[in-house]
Amino acid sequence: MMAARRHFGGEETMELDTEKLDRAALAILSLSLHDENRVWKGIDWAITDRLHEKGLVHDPVGRAKSLALTDEGLAVAEAALNEFFSTT
């Protein structure tokens, strides 16, 4: 099993299972599947819209290629990483 460390504010880090992360990323990428085997590099817009509606990211509309997480979004992201991908 491959592992990576992720640091969220403070000094604690969590060890992550990169095999699970890679499979989850591939599953998310597959949501934008088109032309038989091609996927968009970015996350599906419907997902970013839902995250915005839930108050987890700031408004995703615009020219920026990145999203800004809200404080609540950061907390939810850390909890989800720990729940789904922590090796400990």
N, C-alpha and C. Protein backbone atom coordinates (compact mmCIF):
# COMPACT_ATOMS: atom_id res chain seq x y z
N MET A 1 0.85 -1.18 0.00
CA MET A 1 0.00 0.00 0.00
C MET A 1 0.89 1.24 0.00
N MET A 2 0.59 2.16 -0.89
CA MET A 2 1.30 3.43 -0.95
C MET A 2 0.60 4.39 0.01
N ALA A 3 1.36 5.29 0.60
CA ALA A 3 0.76 6.24 1.52
C ALA A 3 1.33 7.63 1.28
N ALA A 4 0.51 8.61 1.52
CA ALA A 4 0.93 10.01 1.43
C ALA A 4 0.48 10.69 2.71
N ARG A 5 1.11 11.78 3.03
CA ARG A 5 0.72 12.55 4.21
C ARG A 5 0.02 13.82 3.76
N ARG A 6 -1.03 14.17 4.47
CA ARG A 6 -1.79 15.39 4.17
C ARG A 6 -1.85 16.23 5.42
N HIS A 7 -1.56 17.50 5.28
CA HIS A 7 -1.53 18.42 6.41
C HIS A 7 -2.67 19.42 6.27
N PHE A 8 -3.52 19.49 7.26
CA PHE A 8 -4.58 20.49 7.34
C PHE A 8 -4.29 21.33 8.55
N GLY A 9 -4.15 22.63 8.42
CA GLY A 9 -3.92 23.54 9.55
C GLY A 9 -3.46 22.84 10.83
N GLY A 10 -2.79 23.53 11.68
CA GLY A 10 -2.25 22.92 12.87
C GLY A 10 -1.02 22.11 12.53
N GLU A 11 -0.64 21.23 13.43
CA GLU A 11 0.58 20.47 13.22
C GLU A 11 0.34 19.00 12.91
N GLU A 12 -0.89 18.55 13.00
CA GLU A 12 -1.17 17.14 12.77
C GLU A 12 -1.21 16.82 11.28
N THR A 13 -0.78 15.62 10.93
CA THR A 13 -0.89 15.14 9.57
C THR A 13 -1.61 13.80 9.62
N MET A 14 -2.22 13.44 8.52
CA MET A 14 -2.83 12.12 8.45
C MET A 14 -2.20 11.37 7.31
N GLU A 15 -2.02 10.09 7.47
CA GLU A 15 -1.47 9.25 6.43
C GLU A 15 -2.61 8.76 5.57
N LEU A 16 -2.48 8.92 4.26
CA LEU A 16 -3.55 8.59 3.32
C LEU A 16 -3.17 7.41 2.44
N ASP A 17 -4.16 6.60 2.11
CA ASP A 17 -3.99 5.46 1.23
C ASP A 17 -4.10 5.96 -0.21
N THR A 18 -2.99 6.07 -0.91
CA THR A 18 -2.99 6.63 -2.26
C THR A 18 -3.70 5.73 -3.27
N GLU A 19 -3.75 4.44 -3.02
CA GLU A 19 -4.50 3.55 -3.92
C GLU A 19 -5.98 3.92 -3.90
N LYS A 20 -6.54 4.13 -2.70
CA LYS A 20 -7.95 4.53 -2.59
C LYS A 20 -8.15 5.91 -3.22
N LEU A 21 -7.22 6.84 -2.97
CA LEU A 21 -7.33 8.18 -3.54
C LEU A 21 -7.33 8.13 -5.06
N ASP A 22 -6.43 7.35 -5.64
CA ASP A 22 -6.35 7.25 -7.09
C ASP A 22 -7.63 6.68 -7.68
N ARG A 23 -8.18 5.66 -7.03
CA ARG A 23 -9.43 5.05 -7.52
C ARG A 23 -10.60 6.03 -7.39
N ALA A 24 -10.65 6.79 -6.30
CA ALA A 24 -11.71 7.79 -6.12
C ALA A 24 -11.58 8.89 -7.16
N ALA A 25 -10.35 9.34 -7.44
CA ALA A 25 -10.14 10.37 -8.45
C ALA A 25 -10.59 9.88 -9.81
N LEU A 26 -10.25 8.64 -10.14
CA LEU A 26 -10.66 8.07 -11.41
C LEU A 26 -12.18 7.98 -11.51
N ALA A 27 -12.83 7.59 -10.42
CA ALA A 27 -14.30 7.52 -10.41
C ALA A 27 -14.90 8.89 -10.65
N ILE A 28 -14.35 9.92 -9.99
CA ILE A 28 -14.86 11.28 -10.17
C ILE A 28 -14.61 11.77 -11.59
N LEU A 29 -13.43 11.51 -12.12
CA LEU A 29 -13.14 11.89 -13.50
C LEU A 29 -14.11 11.23 -14.48
N SER A 30 -14.50 10.00 -14.19
CA SER A 30 -15.39 9.28 -15.11
C SER A 30 -16.77 9.91 -15.20
N LEU A 31 -17.12 10.79 -14.27
CA LEU A 31 -18.42 11.47 -14.33
C LEU A 31 -18.52 12.38 -15.54
N SER A 32 -17.37 12.79 -16.10
CA SER A 32 -17.39 13.66 -17.28
C SER A 32 -17.00 12.89 -18.55
N LEU A 33 -17.19 11.59 -18.55
CA LEU A 33 -16.83 10.74 -19.68
C LEU A 33 -17.57 11.17 -20.96
N HIS A 34 -16.82 11.28 -22.05
CA HIS A 34 -17.39 11.61 -23.36
C HIS A 34 -16.49 11.02 -24.45
N ASP A 35 -16.99 10.95 -25.66
CA ASP A 35 -16.23 10.41 -26.79
C ASP A 35 -15.58 9.07 -26.45
N GLU A 36 -16.32 8.20 -25.85
CA GLU A 36 -15.95 6.82 -25.50
C GLU A 36 -14.98 6.70 -24.32
N ASN A 37 -13.85 7.44 -24.32
CA ASN A 37 -12.88 7.22 -23.26
C ASN A 37 -12.20 8.49 -22.76
N ARG A 38 -12.73 9.66 -23.11
CA ARG A 38 -12.11 10.91 -22.71
C ARG A 38 -12.85 11.50 -21.51
N VAL A 39 -12.11 12.15 -20.63
CA VAL A 39 -12.71 12.82 -19.47
C VAL A 39 -12.11 14.22 -19.36
N TRP A 40 -12.87 15.12 -18.76
CA TRP A 40 -12.36 16.47 -18.53
C TRP A 40 -11.43 16.44 -17.33
N LYS A 41 -10.41 17.29 -17.37
CA LYS A 41 -9.43 17.35 -16.28
C LYS A 41 -10.05 17.89 -15.00
N GLY A 42 -10.97 18.80 -15.11
CA GLY A 42 -11.60 19.41 -13.94
C GLY A 42 -12.77 18.60 -13.43
N ILE A 43 -13.21 18.93 -12.26
CA ILE A 43 -14.36 18.25 -11.67
C ILE A 43 -15.64 18.74 -12.36
N ASP A 44 -16.62 17.90 -12.44
CA ASP A 44 -17.89 18.21 -13.09
C ASP A 44 -18.52 19.47 -12.48
N TRP A 45 -19.02 20.36 -13.33
CA TRP A 45 -19.59 21.62 -12.87
C TRP A 45 -20.81 21.41 -11.97
N ALA A 46 -21.58 20.38 -12.22
CA ALA A 46 -22.75 20.12 -11.38
C ALA A 46 -22.30 19.85 -9.94
N ILE A 47 -21.15 19.21 -9.78
CA ILE A 47 -20.63 18.94 -8.44
C ILE A 47 -20.20 20.24 -7.78
N THR A 48 -19.47 21.09 -8.51
CA THR A 48 -19.04 22.35 -7.90
C THR A 48 -20.24 23.23 -7.57
N ASP A 49 -21.28 23.18 -8.40
CA ASP A 49 -22.49 23.95 -8.10
C ASP A 49 -23.14 23.45 -6.81
N ARG A 50 -23.21 22.13 -6.63
CA ARG A 50 -23.80 21.58 -5.40
C ARG A 50 -22.96 21.95 -4.18
N LEU A 51 -21.64 21.89 -4.32
CA LEU A 51 -20.77 22.26 -3.21
C LEU A 51 -20.97 23.73 -2.84
N HIS A 52 -21.18 24.58 -3.84
CA HIS A 52 -21.44 26.00 -3.59
C HIS A 52 -22.78 26.18 -2.87
N GLU A 53 -23.81 25.48 -3.35
CA GLU A 53 -25.13 25.56 -2.72
C GLU A 53 -25.09 25.13 -1.26
N LYS A 54 -24.20 24.20 -0.93
CA LYS A 54 -24.05 23.72 0.45
C LYS A 54 -23.15 24.62 1.28
N GLY A 55 -22.56 25.65 0.66
CA GLY A 55 -21.70 26.56 1.37
C GLY A 55 -20.29 26.03 1.62
N LEU A 56 -19.86 25.04 0.83
CA LEU A 56 -18.56 24.42 1.03
C LEU A 56 -17.47 25.03 0.16
N VAL A 57 -17.86 25.69 -0.95
CA VAL A 57 -16.92 26.43 -1.79
C VAL A 57 -17.52 27.78 -2.10
N HIS A 58 -16.65 28.74 -2.35
CA HIS A 58 -17.13 30.06 -2.78
C HIS A 58 -17.59 29.93 -4.23
N ASP A 59 -18.28 30.93 -4.73
CA ASP A 59 -18.89 30.90 -6.07
C ASP A 59 -17.91 30.37 -7.12
N PRO A 60 -18.23 29.24 -7.75
CA PRO A 60 -17.33 28.63 -8.74
C PRO A 60 -17.38 29.29 -10.12
N VAL A 61 -18.32 30.21 -10.34
CA VAL A 61 -18.47 30.83 -11.65
C VAL A 61 -17.37 31.88 -11.84
N GLY A 62 -16.70 31.81 -12.95
CA GLY A 62 -15.66 32.78 -13.26
C GLY A 62 -14.56 32.15 -14.09
N ARG A 63 -13.52 32.92 -14.35
CA ARG A 63 -12.43 32.45 -15.22
C ARG A 63 -11.35 31.68 -14.47
N ALA A 64 -11.35 31.77 -13.15
CA ALA A 64 -10.32 31.09 -12.37
C ALA A 64 -10.41 29.58 -12.58
N LYS A 65 -9.26 28.93 -12.59
CA LYS A 65 -9.23 27.48 -12.76
C LYS A 65 -9.18 26.76 -11.42
N SER A 66 -9.31 27.52 -10.34
CA SER A 66 -9.30 26.90 -9.02
C SER A 66 -10.53 27.35 -8.24
N LEU A 67 -10.84 26.61 -7.20
CA LEU A 67 -11.96 26.91 -6.31
C LEU A 67 -11.41 27.32 -4.95
N ALA A 68 -12.14 28.17 -4.26
CA ALA A 68 -11.79 28.53 -2.89
C ALA A 68 -12.75 27.83 -1.95
N LEU A 69 -12.21 27.03 -1.03
CA LEU A 69 -13.04 26.37 -0.04
C LEU A 69 -13.41 27.35 1.06
N THR A 70 -14.60 27.21 1.58
CA THR A 70 -14.98 27.99 2.75
C THR A 70 -14.37 27.33 3.98
N ASP A 71 -14.46 27.97 5.14
CA ASP A 71 -13.97 27.35 6.37
C ASP A 71 -14.68 26.03 6.63
N GLU A 72 -16.00 26.02 6.41
CA GLU A 72 -16.76 24.77 6.57
C GLU A 72 -16.30 23.74 5.55
N GLY A 73 -16.03 24.17 4.32
CA GLY A 73 -15.56 23.26 3.28
C GLY A 73 -14.23 22.63 3.64
N LEU A 74 -13.32 23.40 4.22
CA LEU A 74 -12.05 22.86 4.67
C LEU A 74 -12.26 21.78 5.73
N ALA A 75 -13.16 22.05 6.67
CA ALA A 75 -13.43 21.09 7.74
C ALA A 75 -14.05 19.81 7.19
N VAL A 76 -15.00 19.96 6.27
CA VAL A 76 -15.65 18.79 5.67
C VAL A 76 -14.64 18.00 4.84
N ALA A 77 -13.77 18.68 4.09
CA ALA A 77 -12.76 18.00 3.29
C ALA A 77 -11.82 17.18 4.16
N GLU A 78 -11.38 17.77 5.27
CA GLU A 78 -10.48 17.05 6.17
C GLU A 78 -11.18 15.82 6.77
N ALA A 79 -12.42 16.00 7.19
CA ALA A 79 -13.17 14.88 7.78
C ALA A 79 -13.37 13.77 6.74
N ALA A 80 -13.68 14.14 5.51
CA ALA A 80 -13.91 13.14 4.44
C ALA A 80 -12.62 12.40 4.13
N LEU A 81 -11.50 13.11 4.03
CA LEU A 81 -10.22 12.44 3.79
C LEU A 81 -9.94 11.43 4.88
N ASN A 82 -10.16 11.85 6.12
CA ASN A 82 -9.92 10.97 7.24
C ASN A 82 -10.85 9.75 7.21
N GLU A 83 -12.14 10.01 6.95
CA GLU A 83 -13.13 8.93 6.94
C GLU A 83 -12.89 7.92 5.83
N PHE A 84 -12.63 8.40 4.63
CA PHE A 84 -12.56 7.51 3.47
C PHE A 84 -11.17 6.99 3.14
N PHE A 85 -10.13 7.75 3.48
CA PHE A 85 -8.81 7.40 2.96
C PHE A 85 -7.70 7.30 3.98
N SER A 86 -7.95 7.51 5.26
CA SER A 86 -6.90 7.43 6.27
C SER A 86 -6.44 5.98 6.42
N THR A 87 -5.16 5.79 6.64
CA THR A 87 -4.63 4.45 6.83
C THR A 87 -4.60 4.07 8.31
N THR A 88 -4.93 5.01 9.18
CA THR A 88 -4.90 4.70 10.62
C THR A 88 -6.28 4.74 11.22
